[in-house]
Amino acid sequence: KDAAYVNLFIGSQADLTVAGTNVNLKQVTHYPWKGESVIVVNP
């Protein structure tokens, strides 16, 4: 109810509800070949 968890580093978009607010997460990554991942948070 209070938090979103980023478990795996896989390029994706997700829609979920946290703290009563709809949130879109967008992840861009080159994992596992590179270590950089960017997660954009869009409440």
ModelCIF file with pLDDT and N, C-alpha, C, O atoms, coordinates in Angstrom:
data_MODEL
#
_entry.id   MODEL 
#
_entity.id                         1 
_entity.type                       polymer 
_entity.pdbx_number_of_molecules   1 
#
_entity_poly.entity_id                      1 
_entity_poly.type                           'polypeptide(L)' 
_entity_poly.nstd_linkage                   no 
_entity_poly.nstd_monomer                   no 
_entity_poly.pdbx_seq_one_letter_code       KDAAYVNLFIGSQADLTVAGTNVNLKQVTHYPWKGESVIVVNP 
_entity_poly.pdbx_seq_one_letter_code_can   KDAAYVNLFIGSQADLTVAGTNVNLKQVTHYPWKGESVIVVNP 
_entity_poly.pdbx_strand_id                 A 
#
loop_
_entity_poly_seq.entity_id 
_entity_poly_seq.num 
_entity_poly_seq.mon_id 
_entity_poly_seq.hetero 
1 1  LYS n 
1 2  ASP n 
1 3  ALA n 
1 4  ALA n 
1 5  TYR n 
1 6  VAL n 
1 7  ASN n 
1 8  LEU n 
1 9  PHE n 
1 10 ILE n 
1 11 GLY n 
1 12 SER n 
1 13 GLN n 
1 14 ALA n 
1 15 ASP n 
1 16 LEU n 
1 17 THR n 
1 18 VAL n 
1 19 ALA n 
1 20 GLY n 
1 21 THR n 
1 22 ASN n 
1 23 VAL n 
1 24 ASN n 
1 25 LEU n 
1 26 LYS n 
1 27 GLN n 
1 28 VAL n 
1 29 THR n 
1 30 HIS n 
1 31 TYR n 
1 32 PRO n 
1 33 TRP n 
1 34 LYS n 
1 35 GLY n 
1 36 GLU n 
1 37 SER n 
1 38 VAL n 
1 39 ILE n 
1 40 VAL n 
1 41 VAL n 
1 42 ASN n 
1 43 PRO n 
#
_struct_asym.id          A 
_struct_asym.entity_id   1 
#
loop_
_ma_qa_metric.id 
_ma_qa_metric.mode 
_ma_qa_metric.name 
_ma_qa_metric.software_group_id 
_ma_qa_metric.type 
1 global pLDDT . pLDDT 
2 local  pLDDT . pLDDT 
#
_ma_qa_metric_global.metric_id      1 
_ma_qa_metric_global.metric_value   97.74 
_ma_qa_metric_global.model_id       1 
_ma_qa_metric_global.ordinal_id     1 
#
loop_
_ma_qa_metric_local.label_asym_id 
_ma_qa_metric_local.label_comp_id 
_ma_qa_metric_local.label_seq_id 
_ma_qa_metric_local.metric_id 
_ma_qa_metric_local.metric_value 
_ma_qa_metric_local.model_id 
_ma_qa_metric_local.ordinal_id 
A LYS 1  2 96.00 1 1  
A ASP 2  2 96.00 1 2  
A ALA 3  2 98.00 1 3  
A ALA 4  2 98.00 1 4  
A TYR 5  2 98.00 1 5  
A VAL 6  2 98.00 1 6  
A ASN 7  2 98.00 1 7  
A LEU 8  2 98.00 1 8  
A PHE 9  2 98.00 1 9  
A ILE 10 2 98.00 1 10 
A GLY 11 2 98.00 1 11 
A SER 12 2 98.00 1 12 
A GLN 13 2 98.00 1 13 
A ALA 14 2 98.00 1 14 
A ASP 15 2 98.00 1 15 
A LEU 16 2 98.00 1 16 
A THR 17 2 98.00 1 17 
A VAL 18 2 98.00 1 18 
A ALA 19 2 96.00 1 19 
A GLY 20 2 96.00 1 20 
A THR 21 2 97.00 1 21 
A ASN 22 2 98.00 1 22 
A VAL 23 2 98.00 1 23 
A ASN 24 2 98.00 1 24 
A LEU 25 2 98.00 1 25 
A LYS 26 2 98.00 1 26 
A GLN 27 2 98.00 1 27 
A VAL 28 2 98.00 1 28 
A THR 29 2 98.00 1 29 
A HIS 30 2 97.00 1 30 
A TYR 31 2 98.00 1 31 
A PRO 32 2 98.00 1 32 
A TRP 33 2 98.00 1 33 
A LYS 34 2 98.00 1 34 
A GLY 35 2 97.00 1 35 
A GLU 36 2 98.00 1 36 
A SER 37 2 98.00 1 37 
A VAL 38 2 98.00 1 38 
A ILE 39 2 98.00 1 39 
A VAL 40 2 98.00 1 40 
A VAL 41 2 98.00 1 41 
A ASN 42 2 98.00 1 42 
A PRO 43 2 98.00 1 43 
#
loop_
_atom_site.group_PDB 
_atom_site.id 
_atom_site.type_symbol 
_atom_site.label_atom_id 
_atom_site.label_alt_id 
_atom_site.label_comp_id 
_atom_site.label_asym_id 
_atom_site.label_entity_id 
_atom_site.label_seq_id 
_atom_site.pdbx_PDB_ins_code 
_atom_site.Cartn_x 
_atom_site.Cartn_y 
_atom_site.Cartn_z 
_atom_site.occupancy 
_atom_site.B_iso_or_equiv 
_atom_site.pdbx_formal_charge 
_atom_site.auth_seq_id 
_atom_site.auth_comp_id 
_atom_site.auth_asym_id 
_atom_site.auth_atom_id 
_atom_site.pdbx_PDB_model_num 
ATOM 1   N N  . LYS A 1 1  ? 0.807  -1.225 0.000   1.00 96.00 ? 1  LYS A N  1 
ATOM 2   C CA . LYS A 1 1  ? 0.000  0.000  0.000   1.00 96.00 ? 1  LYS A CA 1 
ATOM 3   C C  . LYS A 1 1  ? 0.836  1.270  0.000   1.00 96.00 ? 1  LYS A C  1 
ATOM 4   O O  . LYS A 1 1  ? 0.349  2.338  -0.373  1.00 96.00 ? 1  LYS A O  1 
ATOM 5   N N  . ASP A 1 2  ? 2.106  1.159  0.421   1.00 96.00 ? 2  ASP A N  1 
ATOM 6   C CA . ASP A 1 2  ? 2.932  2.355  0.562   1.00 96.00 ? 2  ASP A CA 1 
ATOM 7   C C  . ASP A 1 2  ? 4.108  2.431  -0.399  1.00 96.00 ? 2  ASP A C  1 
ATOM 8   O O  . ASP A 1 2  ? 4.740  3.482  -0.506  1.00 96.00 ? 2  ASP A O  1 
ATOM 9   N N  . ALA A 1 3  ? 4.420  1.334  -1.107  1.00 98.00 ? 3  ALA A N  1 
ATOM 10  C CA . ALA A 1 3  ? 5.661  1.319  -1.876  1.00 98.00 ? 3  ALA A CA 1 
ATOM 11  C C  . ALA A 1 3  ? 5.520  0.506  -3.151  1.00 98.00 ? 3  ALA A C  1 
ATOM 12  O O  . ALA A 1 3  ? 4.743  -0.447 -3.222  1.00 98.00 ? 3  ALA A O  1 
ATOM 13  N N  . ALA A 1 4  ? 6.289  0.905  -4.157  1.00 98.00 ? 4  ALA A N  1 
ATOM 14  C CA . ALA A 1 4  ? 6.490  0.109  -5.368  1.00 98.00 ? 4  ALA A CA 1 
ATOM 15  C C  . ALA A 1 4  ? 7.866  -0.529 -5.280  1.00 98.00 ? 4  ALA A C  1 
ATOM 16  O O  . ALA A 1 4  ? 8.821  0.105  -4.829  1.00 98.00 ? 4  ALA A O  1 
ATOM 17  N N  . TYR A 1 5  ? 7.973  -1.783 -5.710  1.00 98.00 ? 5  TYR A N  1 
ATOM 18  C CA . TYR A 1 5  ? 9.221  -2.531 -5.658  1.00 98.00 ? 5  TYR A CA 1 
ATOM 19  C C  . TYR A 1 5  ? 9.711  -2.814 -7.071  1.00 98.00 ? 5  TYR A C  1 
ATOM 20  O O  . TYR A 1 5  ? 8.955  -3.299 -7.913  1.00 98.00 ? 5  TYR A O  1 
ATOM 21  N N  . VAL A 1 6  ? 10.973 -2.510 -7.326  1.00 98.00 ? 6  VAL A N  1 
ATOM 22  C CA . VAL A 1 6  ? 11.608 -2.871 -8.593  1.00 98.00 ? 6  VAL A CA 1 
ATOM 23  C C  . VAL A 1 6  ? 12.468 -4.099 -8.308  1.00 98.00 ? 6  VAL A C  1 
ATOM 24  O O  . VAL A 1 6  ? 13.531 -3.996 -7.696  1.00 98.00 ? 6  VAL A O  1 
ATOM 25  N N  . ASN A 1 7  ? 11.996 -5.261 -8.758  1.00 98.00 ? 7  ASN A N  1 
ATOM 26  C CA . ASN A 1 7  ? 12.649 -6.527 -8.443  1.00 98.00 ? 7  ASN A CA 1 
ATOM 27  C C  . ASN A 1 7  ? 13.669 -6.958 -9.479  1.00 98.00 ? 7  ASN A C  1 
ATOM 28  O O  . ASN A 1 7  ? 14.773 -7.380 -9.138  1.00 98.00 ? 7  ASN A O  1 
ATOM 29  N N  . LEU A 1 8  ? 13.293 -6.849 -10.750 1.00 98.00 ? 8  LEU A N  1 
ATOM 30  C CA . LEU A 1 8  ? 14.144 -7.326 -11.829 1.00 98.00 ? 8  LEU A CA 1 
ATOM 31  C C  . LEU A 1 8  ? 14.422 -6.190 -12.801 1.00 98.00 ? 8  LEU A C  1 
ATOM 32  O O  . LEU A 1 8  ? 13.607 -5.284 -12.972 1.00 98.00 ? 8  LEU A O  1 
ATOM 33  N N  . PHE A 1 9  ? 15.570 -6.254 -13.425 1.00 98.00 ? 9  PHE A N  1 
ATOM 34  C CA . PHE A 1 9  ? 15.990 -5.189 -14.342 1.00 98.00 ? 9  PHE A CA 1 
ATOM 35  C C  . PHE A 1 9  ? 15.732 -5.657 -15.764 1.00 98.00 ? 9  PHE A C  1 
ATOM 36  O O  . PHE A 1 9  ? 16.604 -6.198 -16.443 1.00 98.00 ? 9  PHE A O  1 
ATOM 37  N N  . ILE A 1 10 ? 14.496 -5.425 -16.184 1.00 98.00 ? 10 ILE A N  1 
ATOM 38  C CA . ILE A 1 10 ? 13.994 -5.851 -17.485 1.00 98.00 ? 10 ILE A CA 1 
ATOM 39  C C  . ILE A 1 10 ? 13.236 -4.676 -18.083 1.00 98.00 ? 10 ILE A C  1 
ATOM 40  O O  . ILE A 1 10 ? 12.329 -4.132 -17.452 1.00 98.00 ? 10 ILE A O  1 
ATOM 41  N N  . GLY A 1 11 ? 13.602 -4.284 -19.293 1.00 98.00 ? 11 GLY A N  1 
ATOM 42  C CA . GLY A 1 11 ? 12.940 -3.158 -19.936 1.00 98.00 ? 11 GLY A CA 1 
ATOM 43  C C  . GLY A 1 11 ? 11.447 -3.375 -20.031 1.00 98.00 ? 11 GLY A C  1 
ATOM 44  O O  . GLY A 1 11 ? 11.000 -4.391 -20.565 1.00 98.00 ? 11 GLY A O  1 
ATOM 45  N N  . SER A 1 12 ? 10.663 -2.429 -19.518 1.00 98.00 ? 12 SER A N  1 
ATOM 46  C CA . SER A 1 12 ? 9.226  -2.664 -19.406 1.00 98.00 ? 12 SER A CA 1 
ATOM 47  C C  . SER A 1 12 ? 8.512  -1.404 -18.970 1.00 98.00 ? 12 SER A C  1 
ATOM 48  O O  . SER A 1 12 ? 9.131  -0.423 -18.557 1.00 98.00 ? 12 SER A O  1 
ATOM 49  N N  . GLN A 1 13 ? 7.190  -1.454 -19.073 1.00 98.00 ? 13 GLN A N  1 
ATOM 50  C CA . GLN A 1 13 ? 6.315  -0.449 -18.470 1.00 98.00 ? 13 GLN A CA 1 
ATOM 51  C C  . GLN A 1 13 ? 5.293  -1.169 -17.606 1.00 98.00 ? 13 GLN A C  1 
ATOM 52  O O  . GLN A 1 13 ? 4.850  -2.269 -17.934 1.00 98.00 ? 13 GLN A O  1 
ATOM 53  N N  . ALA A 1 14 ? 4.926  -0.537 -16.502 1.00 98.00 ? 14 ALA A N  1 
ATOM 54  C CA . ALA A 1 14 ? 3.968  -1.144 -15.586 1.00 98.00 ? 14 ALA A CA 1 
ATOM 55  C C  . ALA A 1 14 ? 3.052  -0.079 -15.019 1.00 98.00 ? 14 ALA A C  1 
ATOM 56  O O  . ALA A 1 14 ? 3.464  1.055  -14.775 1.00 98.00 ? 14 ALA A O  1 
ATOM 57  N N  . ASP A 1 15 ? 1.807  -0.463 -14.814 1.00 98.00 ? 15 ASP A N  1 
ATOM 58  C CA . ASP A 1 15 ? 0.819  0.415  -14.188 1.00 98.00 ? 15 ASP A CA 1 
ATOM 59  C C  . ASP A 1 15 ? 0.368  -0.226 -12.884 1.00 98.00 ? 15 ASP A C  1 
ATOM 60  O O  . ASP A 1 15 ? -0.063 -1.379 -12.864 1.00 98.00 ? 15 ASP A O  1 
ATOM 61  N N  . LEU A 1 16 ? 0.471  0.535  -11.790 1.00 98.00 ? 16 LEU A N  1 
ATOM 62  C CA . LEU A 1 16 ? 0.094  0.022  -10.481 1.00 98.00 ? 16 LEU A CA 1 
ATOM 63  C C  . LEU A 1 16 ? -0.417 1.170  -9.624  1.00 98.00 ? 16 LEU A C  1 
ATOM 64  O O  . LEU A 1 16 ? -0.338 2.337  -10.009 1.00 98.00 ? 16 LEU A O  1 
ATOM 65  N N  . THR A 1 17 ? -0.938 0.820  -8.462  1.00 98.00 ? 17 THR A N  1 
ATOM 66  C CA . THR A 1 17 ? -1.461 1.822  -7.538  1.00 98.00 ? 17 THR A CA 1 
ATOM 67  C C  . THR A 1 17 ? -0.666 1.769  -6.246  1.00 98.00 ? 17 THR A C  1 
ATOM 68  O O  . THR A 1 17 ? -0.552 0.716  -5.617  1.00 98.00 ? 17 THR A O  1 
ATOM 69  N N  . VAL A 1 18 ? -0.115 2.914  -5.853  1.00 98.00 ? 18 VAL A N  1 
ATOM 70  C CA . VAL A 1 18 ? 0.671  3.027  -4.626  1.00 98.00 ? 18 VAL A CA 1 
ATOM 71  C C  . VAL A 1 18 ? 0.189  4.251  -3.861  1.00 98.00 ? 18 VAL A C  1 
ATOM 72  O O  . VAL A 1 18 ? 0.031  5.328  -4.437  1.00 98.00 ? 18 VAL A O  1 
ATOM 73  N N  . ALA A 1 19 ? -0.043 4.084  -2.570  1.00 96.00 ? 19 ALA A N  1 
ATOM 74  C CA . ALA A 1 19 ? -0.499 5.182  -1.720  1.00 96.00 ? 19 ALA A CA 1 
ATOM 75  C C  . ALA A 1 19 ? -1.733 5.866  -2.303  1.00 96.00 ? 19 ALA A C  1 
ATOM 76  O O  . ALA A 1 19 ? -1.878 7.085  -2.215  1.00 96.00 ? 19 ALA A O  1 
ATOM 77  N N  . GLY A 1 20 ? -2.617 5.070  -2.899  1.00 96.00 ? 20 GLY A N  1 
ATOM 78  C CA . GLY A 1 20 ? -3.850 5.597  -3.451  1.00 96.00 ? 20 GLY A CA 1 
ATOM 79  C C  . GLY A 1 20 ? -3.710 6.319  -4.767  1.00 96.00 ? 20 GLY A C  1 
ATOM 80  O O  . GLY A 1 20 ? -4.671 6.923  -5.243  1.00 96.00 ? 20 GLY A O  1 
ATOM 81  N N  . THR A 1 21 ? -2.528 6.274  -5.371  1.00 97.00 ? 21 THR A N  1 
ATOM 82  C CA . THR A 1 21 ? -2.267 7.000  -6.611  1.00 97.00 ? 21 THR A CA 1 
ATOM 83  C C  . THR A 1 21 ? -1.857 6.033  -7.715  1.00 97.00 ? 21 THR A C  1 
ATOM 84  O O  . THR A 1 21 ? -1.058 5.126  -7.484  1.00 97.00 ? 21 THR A O  1 
ATOM 85  N N  . ASN A 1 22 ? -2.398 6.223  -8.904  1.00 98.00 ? 22 ASN A N  1 
ATOM 86  C CA . ASN A 1 22 ? -1.972 5.433  -10.054 1.00 98.00 ? 22 ASN A CA 1 
ATOM 87  C C  . ASN A 1 22 ? -0.574 5.868  -10.479 1.00 98.00 ? 22 ASN A C  1 
ATOM 88  O O  . ASN A 1 22 ? -0.291 7.058  -10.617 1.00 98.00 ? 22 ASN A O  1 
ATOM 89  N N  . VAL A 1 23 ? 0.282  4.893  -10.681 1.00 98.00 ? 23 VAL A N  1 
ATOM 90  C CA . VAL A 1 23 ? 1.677  5.179  -11.018 1.00 98.00 ? 23 VAL A CA 1 
ATOM 91  C C  . VAL A 1 23 ? 2.072  4.331  -12.223 1.00 98.00 ? 23 VAL A C  1 
ATOM 92  O O  . VAL A 1 23 ? 1.778  3.137  -12.286 1.00 98.00 ? 23 VAL A O  1 
ATOM 93  N N  . ASN A 1 24 ? 2.740  4.970  -13.169 1.00 98.00 ? 24 ASN A N  1 
ATOM 94  C CA . ASN A 1 24 ? 3.343  4.262  -14.288 1.00 98.00 ? 24 ASN A CA 1 
ATOM 95  C C  . ASN A 1 24 ? 4.850  4.243  -14.086 1.00 98.00 ? 24 ASN A C  1 
ATOM 96  O O  . ASN A 1 24 ? 5.470  5.280  -13.852 1.00 98.00 ? 24 ASN A O  1 
ATOM 97  N N  . LEU A 1 25 ? 5.435  3.046  -14.179 1.00 98.00 ? 25 LEU A N  1 
ATOM 98  C CA . LEU A 1 25 ? 6.888  2.898  -14.122 1.00 98.00 ? 25 LEU A CA 1 
ATOM 99  C C  . LEU A 1 25 ? 7.378  2.472  -15.495 1.00 98.00 ? 25 LEU A C  1 
ATOM 100 O O  . LEU A 1 25 ? 6.826  1.553  -16.100 1.00 98.00 ? 25 LEU A O  1 
ATOM 101 N N  . LYS A 1 26 ? 8.403  3.132  -15.981 1.00 98.00 ? 26 LYS A N  1 
ATOM 102 C CA . LYS A 1 26 ? 9.010  2.753  -17.254 1.00 98.00 ? 26 LYS A CA 1 
ATOM 103 C C  . LYS A 1 26 ? 10.488 2.484  -17.019 1.00 98.00 ? 26 LYS A C  1 
ATOM 104 O O  . LYS A 1 26 ? 11.214 3.339  -16.512 1.00 98.00 ? 26 LYS A O  1 
ATOM 105 N N  . GLN A 1 27 ? 10.923 1.296  -17.390 1.00 98.00 ? 27 GLN A N  1 
ATOM 106 C CA . GLN A 1 27 ? 12.309 0.901  -17.166 1.00 98.00 ? 27 GLN A CA 1 
ATOM 107 C C  . GLN A 1 27 ? 13.004 0.662  -18.506 1.00 98.00 ? 27 GLN A C  1 
ATOM 108 O O  . GLN A 1 27 ? 12.485 -0.044 -19.371 1.00 98.00 ? 27 GLN A O  1 
ATOM 109 N N  . VAL A 1 28 ? 14.177 1.259  -18.663 1.00 98.00 ? 28 VAL A N  1 
ATOM 110 C CA . VAL A 1 28 ? 15.020 1.051  -19.837 1.00 98.00 ? 28 VAL A CA 1 
ATOM 111 C C  . VAL A 1 28 ? 16.368 0.553  -19.343 1.00 98.00 ? 28 VAL A C  1 
ATOM 112 O O  . VAL A 1 28 ? 16.971 1.157  -18.456 1.00 98.00 ? 28 VAL A O  1 
ATOM 113 N N  . THR A 1 29 ? 16.843 -0.555 -19.918 1.00 98.00 ? 29 THR A N  1 
ATOM 114 C CA . THR A 1 29 ? 18.073 -1.150 -19.403 1.00 98.00 ? 29 THR A CA 1 
ATOM 115 C C  . THR A 1 29 ? 18.782 -1.952 -20.481 1.00 98.00 ? 29 THR A C  1 
ATOM 116 O O  . THR A 1 29 ? 18.162 -2.398 -21.447 1.00 98.00 ? 29 THR A O  1 
ATOM 117 N N  . HIS A 1 30 ? 20.094 -2.131 -20.307 1.00 97.00 ? 30 HIS A N  1 
ATOM 118 C CA . HIS A 1 30 ? 20.886 -3.031 -21.143 1.00 97.00 ? 30 HIS A CA 1 
ATOM 119 C C  . HIS A 1 30 ? 21.334 -4.253 -20.342 1.00 97.00 ? 30 HIS A C  1 
ATOM 120 O O  . HIS A 1 30 ? 22.225 -4.989 -20.764 1.00 97.00 ? 30 HIS A O  1 
ATOM 121 N N  . TYR A 1 31 ? 20.717 -4.458 -19.198 1.00 98.00 ? 31 TYR A N  1 
ATOM 122 C CA . TYR A 1 31 ? 21.003 -5.592 -18.334 1.00 98.00 ? 31 TYR A CA 1 
ATOM 123 C C  . TYR A 1 31 ? 20.659 -6.881 -19.077 1.00 98.00 ? 31 TYR A C  1 
ATOM 124 O O  . TYR A 1 31 ? 19.645 -6.896 -19.774 1.00 98.00 ? 31 TYR A O  1 
ATOM 125 N N  . PRO A 1 32 ? 21.417 -7.944 -18.980 1.00 98.00 ? 32 PRO A N  1 
ATOM 126 C CA . PRO A 1 32 ? 22.549 -8.179 -18.076 1.00 98.00 ? 32 PRO A CA 1 
ATOM 127 C C  . PRO A 1 32 ? 23.912 -7.877 -18.678 1.00 98.00 ? 32 PRO A C  1 
ATOM 128 O O  . PRO A 1 32 ? 24.939 -8.131 -18.047 1.00 98.00 ? 32 PRO A O  1 
ATOM 129 N N  . TRP A 1 33 ? 23.934 -7.328 -19.910 1.00 98.00 ? 33 TRP A N  1 
ATOM 130 C CA . TRP A 1 33 ? 25.239 -7.070 -20.542 1.00 98.00 ? 33 TRP A CA 1 
ATOM 131 C C  . TRP A 1 33 ? 25.878 -5.800 -20.011 1.00 98.00 ? 33 TRP A C  1 
ATOM 132 O O  . TRP A 1 33 ? 27.103 -5.692 -19.971 1.00 98.00 ? 33 TRP A O  1 
ATOM 133 N N  . LYS A 1 34 ? 25.061 -4.838 -19.602 1.00 98.00 ? 34 LYS A N  1 
ATOM 134 C CA . LYS A 1 34 ? 25.560 -3.612 -18.981 1.00 98.00 ? 34 LYS A CA 1 
ATOM 135 C C  . LYS A 1 34 ? 24.795 -3.373 -17.688 1.00 98.00 ? 34 LYS A C  1 
ATOM 136 O O  . LYS A 1 34 ? 23.702 -3.906 -17.493 1.00 98.00 ? 34 LYS A O  1 
ATOM 137 N N  . GLY A 1 35 ? 25.375 -2.572 -16.811 1.00 97.00 ? 35 GLY A N  1 
ATOM 138 C CA . GLY A 1 35 ? 24.791 -2.393 -15.493 1.00 97.00 ? 35 GLY A CA 1 
ATOM 139 C C  . GLY A 1 35 ? 23.844 -1.231 -15.351 1.00 97.00 ? 35 GLY A C  1 
ATOM 140 O O  . GLY A 1 35 ? 23.260 -1.045 -14.284 1.00 97.00 ? 35 GLY A O  1 
ATOM 141 N N  . GLU A 1 36 ? 23.669 -0.423 -16.419 1.00 98.00 ? 36 GLU A N  1 
ATOM 142 C CA . GLU A 1 36 ? 22.846 0.771  -16.284 1.00 98.00 ? 36 GLU A CA 1 
ATOM 143 C C  . GLU A 1 36 ? 21.366 0.471  -16.506 1.00 98.00 ? 36 GLU A C  1 
ATOM 144 O O  . GLU A 1 36 ? 20.984 -0.173 -17.483 1.00 98.00 ? 36 GLU A O  1 
ATOM 145 N N  . SER A 1 37 ? 20.546 0.953  -15.577 1.00 98.00 ? 37 SER A N  1 
ATOM 146 C CA . SER A 1 37 ? 19.094 0.882  -15.719 1.00 98.00 ? 37 SER A CA 1 
ATOM 147 C C  . SER A 1 37 ? 18.513 2.232  -15.324 1.00 98.00 ? 37 SER A C  1 
ATOM 148 O O  . SER A 1 37 ? 18.956 2.852  -14.357 1.00 98.00 ? 37 SER A O  1 
ATOM 149 N N  . VAL A 1 38 ? 17.523 2.677  -16.076 1.00 98.00 ? 38 VAL A N  1 
ATOM 150 C CA . VAL A 1 38 ? 16.818 3.923  -15.767 1.00 98.00 ? 38 VAL A CA 1 
ATOM 151 C C  . VAL A 1 38 ? 15.350 3.598  -15.553 1.00 98.00 ? 38 VAL A C  1 
ATOM 152 O O  . VAL A 1 38 ? 14.711 2.979  -16.404 1.00 98.00 ? 38 VAL A O  1 
ATOM 153 N N  . ILE A 1 39 ? 14.819 4.019  -14.411 1.00 98.00 ? 39 ILE A N  1 
ATOM 154 C CA . ILE A 1 39 ? 13.406 3.824  -14.097 1.00 98.00 ? 39 ILE A CA 1 
ATOM 155 C C  . ILE A 1 39 ? 12.755 5.203  -14.009 1.00 98.00 ? 39 ILE A C  1 
ATOM 156 O O  . ILE A 1 39 ? 13.110 6.007  -13.147 1.00 98.00 ? 39 ILE A O  1 
ATOM 157 N N  . VAL A 1 40 ? 11.813 5.470  -14.891 1.00 98.00 ? 40 VAL A N  1 
ATOM 158 C CA . VAL A 1 40 ? 11.092 6.742  -14.889 1.00 98.00 ? 40 VAL A CA 1 
ATOM 159 C C  . VAL A 1 40 ? 9.783  6.545  -14.131 1.00 98.00 ? 40 VAL A C  1 
ATOM 160 O O  . VAL A 1 40 ? 9.004  5.642  -14.436 1.00 98.00 ? 40 VAL A O  1 
ATOM 161 N N  . VAL A 1 41 ? 9.556  7.399  -13.147 1.00 98.00 ? 41 VAL A N  1 
ATOM 162 C CA . VAL A 1 41 ? 8.375  7.300  -12.285 1.00 98.00 ? 41 VAL A CA 1 
ATOM 163 C C  . VAL A 1 41 ? 7.368  8.351  -12.715 1.00 98.00 ? 41 VAL A C  1 
ATOM 164 O O  . VAL A 1 41 ? 7.669  9.545  -12.706 1.00 98.00 ? 41 VAL A O  1 
ATOM 165 N N  . ASN A 1 42 ? 6.173  7.912  -13.090 1.00 98.00 ? 42 ASN A N  1 
ATOM 166 C CA . ASN A 1 42 ? 5.131  8.828  -13.557 1.00 98.00 ? 42 ASN A CA 1 
ATOM 167 C C  . ASN A 1 42 ? 3.845  8.626  -12.753 1.00 98.00 ? 42 ASN A C  1 
ATOM 168 O O  . ASN A 1 42 ? 2.977  7.856  -13.165 1.00 98.00 ? 42 ASN A O  1 
ATOM 169 N N  . PRO A 1 43 ? 3.712  9.310  -11.608 1.00 98.00 ? 43 PRO A N  1 
ATOM 170 C CA . PRO A 1 43 ? 2.447  9.238  -10.868 1.00 98.00 ? 43 PRO A CA 1 
ATOM 171 C C  . PRO A 1 43 ? 1.369  10.069 -11.567 1.00 98.00 ? 43 PRO A C  1 
ATOM 172 O O  . PRO A 1 43 ? 0.234  10.133 -11.093 1.00 98.00 ? 43 PRO A O  1 
#
